[in-house]
Amino acid sequence: MKAGRNRSTWKAAVAAAVAGAVIGGGAWVVSGGESAAPRLDAQAVRIMHGRETRVFKNLEQLVGSTPYIIEGTVTGIQPGRSTGSAEDGGIDQARDVTLSVDVKYGKIVLPSTLVVEEWGWDEEGAGYQVENVAWSKVGDKGFYFLIRSQEAGGRYRLINTQGRALKMSDESLDLSADPDSELSAGISWMDSFEFGQKIRYLLQPANSDQLQTVEEPPVAPSASQDAPAVEDGTEEPLPDDSVTDGSEPGASAMPTSG
């Protein structure tokens, strides 16, 4: 999924009934040199949806398409860079999530810590999460399927919104993939040990023929990709303002990236 937010394709799908907590009272200065919103929500208060650039149907595709696979622990979270402009529909700001690299899979070279970019805040400082990728919090442990961010130098991002599996206290996995997706159906039964073992198995040279690669589409979209969806006369259902209907993302108090 593209980093940031294009208001012609993004839309708020969940509205919170309560205002998020805020961080401090002064403006943050981000890497791009622009001032962020003076007040930033400490939790995501809505979920944003967008057009995914590629979708993985199984672990073979996810592993085969991902250059950097690690197990890591979240050690810090800070406001990150800003992107967009008023002319483009608004400025969005990323969150910089610092990961301590606990396990590296395959023959990859990575530092012992790295920064993963996730989203994010809008120009008013309101927090939103992207699809099922709930905001990271310090202490999270899990599997991360990463690529280098082309927009944010030195940072990484999830290969797509399916690219994170957090470890729970009972060793089960909390997947960022859509619960109804083929990928979730194929791996949701695994515990963290089985998941790690399966990744190691697939990365063994003798098993490379089982890996599959899902390529990203060209940077310039085709006419069919850029065309608006066909109107079928139906309206997209929106949840009401209840915060007890199970649709709200979990709160993530920040101690302070796409």
Protein backbone atom coordinates (compact mmCIF):
# COMPACT_ATOMS: atom_id res chain seq x y z
CA MET A 1 0.00 0.00 0.00
CA LYS A 2 1.27 3.43 -0.88
CA ALA A 3 2.62 5.46 2.02
CA GLY A 4 0.58 8.38 3.19
CA ARG A 5 -2.92 9.20 2.07
CA ASN A 6 -4.45 10.29 -1.20
CA ARG A 7 -7.91 11.64 -0.47
CA SER A 8 -9.24 10.53 -3.85
CA THR A 9 -8.83 6.89 -2.79
CA TRP A 10 -8.65 6.96 1.02
CA LYS A 11 -11.72 7.32 3.18
CA ALA A 12 -12.55 7.17 6.87
CA ALA A 13 -14.40 3.93 7.53
CA VAL A 14 -14.60 4.03 11.30
CA ALA A 15 -15.34 7.13 13.35
CA ALA A 16 -14.60 7.20 17.09
CA ALA A 17 -17.04 8.64 19.59
CA VAL A 18 -14.30 9.92 21.85
CA ALA A 19 -11.44 12.30 21.20
CA GLY A 20 -7.95 10.79 21.33
CA ALA A 21 -5.45 11.78 23.98
CA VAL A 22 -2.80 14.22 22.78
CA ILE A 23 0.94 14.57 23.07
CA GLY A 24 2.41 17.75 24.46
CA GLY A 25 1.46 21.23 23.40
CA GLY A 26 4.16 22.30 20.97
CA ALA A 27 4.79 21.49 17.33
CA TRP A 28 7.09 18.65 16.34
CA VAL A 29 9.63 19.33 13.60
CA VAL A 30 9.92 16.38 11.24
CA SER A 31 12.58 15.20 8.82
CA GLY A 32 11.05 17.00 5.88
CA GLY A 33 11.43 20.34 7.63
CA GLU A 34 7.69 20.99 7.91
CA SER A 35 5.96 21.50 11.25
CA ALA A 36 3.60 18.76 12.26
CA ALA A 37 0.22 19.34 13.85
CA PRO A 38 0.74 20.94 17.29
CA ARG A 39 -1.31 18.22 18.97
CA LEU A 40 -1.05 14.55 18.01
CA ASP A 41 -3.51 11.86 19.09
CA ALA A 42 -1.97 9.17 21.30
CA GLN A 43 -4.22 6.55 19.73
CA ALA A 44 -5.77 5.85 16.37
CA VAL A 45 -9.37 7.01 16.31
CA ARG A 46 -10.33 5.72 12.86
CA ILE A 47 -9.33 3.18 10.24
CA MET A 48 -8.29 4.20 6.73
CA HIS A 49 -8.70 2.04 3.64
CA GLY A 50 -6.80 2.25 0.38
CA ARG A 51 -5.90 0.36 -2.75
CA GLU A 52 -3.31 -2.33 -1.99
CA THR A 53 -0.50 -2.56 -4.55
CA ARG A 54 -0.18 -6.34 -4.12
CA VAL A 55 -1.93 -9.03 -2.11
CA PHE A 56 -0.44 -12.31 -0.89
CA LYS A 57 -2.55 -15.47 -0.80
CA ASN A 58 -0.17 -17.69 1.17
CA LEU A 59 3.05 -17.67 3.18
CA GLU A 60 5.02 -18.90 0.16
CA GLN A 61 4.14 -15.69 -1.67
CA LEU A 62 4.78 -13.45 1.34
CA VAL A 63 8.20 -14.98 2.09
CA GLY A 64 9.15 -15.19 -1.59
CA SER A 65 8.40 -11.52 -2.18
CA THR A 66 9.94 -10.04 0.99
CA PRO A 67 13.64 -9.06 1.07
CA TYR A 68 13.87 -8.49 4.83
CA ILE A 69 12.19 -10.85 7.30
CA ILE A 70 12.91 -10.42 11.00
CA GLU A 71 11.63 -11.01 14.48
CA GLY A 72 11.82 -7.79 16.42
CA THR A 73 10.82 -5.90 19.55
CA VAL A 74 9.45 -2.36 19.54
CA THR A 75 11.73 -0.20 21.71
CA GLY A 76 10.55 3.31 20.83
CA ILE A 77 7.99 5.36 18.89
CA GLN A 78 8.35 8.95 17.66
CA PRO A 79 6.53 11.23 15.23
CA GLY A 80 8.10 10.83 11.78
CA ARG A 81 8.11 12.66 8.49
CA SER A 82 5.26 14.58 6.92
CA THR A 83 4.05 14.06 3.39
CA GLY A 84 1.53 15.70 1.07
CA SER A 85 0.34 19.29 0.82
CA ALA A 86 -2.80 21.35 1.17
CA GLU A 87 -3.09 21.35 -2.64
CA ASP A 88 -3.03 17.54 -2.70
CA GLY A 89 -5.76 17.26 -0.08
CA GLY A 90 -3.82 17.59 3.16
CA ILE A 91 -0.63 16.76 5.03
CA ASP A 92 -0.20 13.40 6.73
CA GLN A 93 2.47 12.47 9.25
CA ALA A 94 4.05 9.07 9.82
CA ARG A 95 5.07 7.35 13.03
CA ASP A 96 8.66 6.12 13.38
CA VAL A 97 8.73 2.74 15.12
CA THR A 98 12.16 1.64 16.36
CA LEU A 99 12.70 -2.12 16.30
CA SER A 100 15.40 -4.11 18.01
CA VAL A 101 16.24 -6.95 15.64
CA ASP A 102 16.05 -10.23 17.57
CA VAL A 103 16.18 -12.75 14.71
CA LYS A 104 17.09 -12.30 11.05
CA TYR A 105 15.78 -14.82 8.52
CA GLY A 106 17.82 -15.76 5.49
CA LYS A 107 21.15 -14.30 4.41
CA ILE A 108 20.32 -10.65 4.92
CA VAL A 109 22.48 -7.84 6.28
CA LEU A 110 20.69 -5.54 8.70
CA PRO A 111 21.68 -3.37 11.65
CA SER A 112 20.76 -4.44 15.18
CA THR A 113 18.07 -1.74 15.29
CA LEU A 114 16.02 -0.22 12.51
CA VAL A 115 13.16 2.23 12.05
CA VAL A 116 9.87 1.12 10.49
CA GLU A 117 7.46 3.75 9.24
CA GLU A 118 3.75 3.35 9.94
CA TRP A 119 0.75 5.66 9.65
CA GLY A 120 -0.28 7.99 10.99
CA TRP A 121 -1.81 11.42 11.72
CA ASP A 122 -3.71 13.80 9.48
CA GLU A 123 -3.05 17.53 9.26
CA GLU A 124 -5.15 18.13 12.36
CA GLY A 125 -3.20 15.60 14.41
CA ALA A 126 -6.03 13.03 14.40
CA GLY A 127 -4.66 9.48 14.56
CA TYR A 128 -5.57 6.77 12.06
CA GLN A 129 -4.42 3.24 11.40
CA VAL A 130 -4.24 1.68 7.94
CA GLU A 131 -6.45 -1.38 7.40
CA ASN A 132 -5.72 -3.95 10.15
CA VAL A 133 -2.26 -2.58 11.02
CA ALA A 134 -3.03 -1.33 14.54
CA TRP A 135 -0.54 1.16 15.95
CA SER A 136 2.61 -0.35 17.36
CA LYS A 137 3.37 0.09 21.03
CA VAL A 138 6.59 -0.24 22.98
CA GLY A 139 7.13 -3.87 23.99
CA ASP A 140 5.42 -5.40 20.95
CA LYS A 141 7.23 -8.52 19.70
CA GLY A 142 6.60 -10.14 16.39
CA PHE A 143 7.51 -11.06 12.84
CA TYR A 144 8.00 -8.22 10.37
CA PHE A 145 8.12 -8.57 6.57
CA LEU A 146 9.90 -5.45 5.39
CA ILE A 147 11.15 -3.50 2.41
CA ARG A 148 13.18 -0.32 2.35
CA SER A 149 11.12 2.85 2.13
CA GLN A 150 11.88 4.72 -1.06
CA GLU A 151 10.33 7.90 0.30
CA ALA A 152 11.92 7.97 3.78
CA GLY A 153 15.67 7.52 3.62
CA GLY A 154 17.09 4.92 5.98
CA ARG A 155 13.69 3.64 7.07
CA TYR A 156 11.77 0.49 6.34
CA ARG A 157 8.08 -0.29 5.95
CA LEU A 158 5.89 -3.37 5.90
CA ILE A 159 5.82 -4.94 2.45
CA ASN A 160 2.04 -4.45 2.60
CA THR A 161 -0.65 -4.42 5.26
CA GLN A 162 -0.34 -8.22 5.56
CA GLY A 163 3.29 -7.98 6.63
CA ARG A 164 3.19 -8.17 10.43
CA ALA A 165 2.42 -10.99 12.87
CA LEU A 166 2.66 -10.03 16.54
CA LYS A 167 3.38 -12.62 19.23
CA MET A 168 0.78 -12.85 21.95
CA SER A 169 1.47 -13.97 25.54
CA ASP A 170 0.19 -17.47 24.74
CA GLU A 171 2.46 -17.64 21.64
CA SER A 172 -0.49 -17.26 19.27
CA LEU A 173 -0.21 -14.73 16.43
CA ASP A 174 -2.06 -11.45 15.97
CA LEU A 175 -2.01 -10.96 12.19
CA SER A 176 -2.22 -7.63 10.42
CA ALA A 177 -3.71 -9.41 7.40
CA ASP A 178 -7.46 -9.23 6.84
CA PRO A 179 -8.97 -12.03 8.98
CA ASP A 180 -11.09 -13.09 5.99
CA SER A 181 -8.14 -13.30 3.57
CA GLU A 182 -6.64 -16.47 2.13
CA LEU A 183 -3.36 -15.66 3.83
CA SER A 184 -4.95 -15.49 7.28
CA ALA A 185 -6.81 -18.74 6.69
CA GLY A 186 -3.53 -20.45 5.82
CA ILE A 187 -1.44 -19.30 8.79
CA SER A 188 -3.81 -18.30 11.60
CA TRP A 189 -3.66 -21.81 13.08
CA MET A 190 0.12 -21.56 13.64
CA ASP A 191 1.72 -20.48 16.89
CA SER A 192 4.82 -18.28 16.84
CA PHE A 193 7.19 -21.27 16.97
CA GLU A 194 5.51 -23.05 14.05
CA PHE A 195 5.41 -19.78 12.10
CA GLY A 196 9.15 -19.22 12.54
CA GLN A 197 9.91 -22.82 11.65
CA LYS A 198 7.86 -22.55 8.46
CA ILE A 199 9.72 -19.40 7.40
CA ARG A 200 13.08 -21.13 8.01
CA TYR A 201 11.89 -24.15 6.03
CA LEU A 202 10.87 -22.04 3.05
CA LEU A 203 14.17 -20.14 3.04
CA GLN A 204 16.28 -23.29 2.83
CA PRO A 205 17.87 -23.52 -0.64
CA ALA A 206 16.42 -27.00 -1.15
CA ASN A 207 12.91 -25.59 -0.80
CA SER A 208 13.31 -22.48 -2.94
CA ASP A 209 11.08 -23.97 -5.63
CA GLN A 210 8.14 -23.59 -3.22
CA LEU A 211 8.55 -19.82 -3.02
CA GLN A 212 6.48 -17.55 -5.22
CA THR A 213 6.96 -13.89 -6.09
CA VAL A 214 4.18 -11.35 -6.38
CA GLU A 215 5.49 -8.31 -8.24
CA GLU A 216 4.30 -4.77 -7.67
CA PRO A 217 2.47 -3.16 -10.58
CA PRO A 218 4.25 -0.48 -12.62
CA VAL A 219 4.63 2.90 -10.92
CA ALA A 220 2.49 4.52 -13.60
CA PRO A 221 -0.99 2.96 -13.31
CA SER A 222 -2.72 1.64 -16.37
CA ALA A 223 -5.94 3.22 -17.57
CA SER A 224 -7.97 0.40 -16.00
CA GLN A 225 -6.21 0.81 -12.63
CA ASP A 226 -6.81 4.55 -12.65
CA ALA A 227 -10.45 4.31 -13.67
CA PRO A 228 -13.09 4.91 -10.99
CA ALA A 229 -15.00 1.95 -9.66
CA VAL A 230 -18.22 1.14 -11.47
CA GLU A 231 -21.26 2.49 -9.62
CA ASP A 232 -23.64 -0.32 -8.73
CA GLY A 233 -26.19 1.76 -6.87
CA THR A 234 -25.24 0.51 -3.41
CA GLU A 235 -23.82 2.53 -0.55
CA GLU A 236 -20.92 1.39 1.59
CA PRO A 237 -22.14 0.60 5.11
CA LEU A 238 -20.56 2.60 7.88
CA PRO A 239 -20.60 1.61 11.56
CA ASP A 240 -22.35 3.86 14.02
CA ASP A 241 -20.52 5.90 16.65
CA SER A 242 -20.46 3.10 19.21
CA VAL A 243 -17.04 2.28 20.62
CA THR A 244 -18.22 -1.11 21.88
CA ASP A 245 -19.01 -2.68 18.53
CA GLY A 246 -15.55 -4.21 18.17
CA SER A 247 -14.57 -1.99 15.25
CA GLU A 248 -12.34 0.46 17.06
CA PRO A 249 -8.56 0.07 16.99
CA GLY A 250 -6.90 -0.49 20.33
CA ALA A 251 -5.43 2.45 22.20
CA SER A 252 -1.67 2.82 22.07
CA ALA A 253 -0.27 5.43 24.44
CA MET A 254 2.93 6.84 23.01
CA PRO A 255 5.96 7.31 25.27
CA THR A 256 7.06 10.32 23.26
CA SER A 257 6.51 5.30 9.89
CA GLY A 258 4.51 4.00 5.02
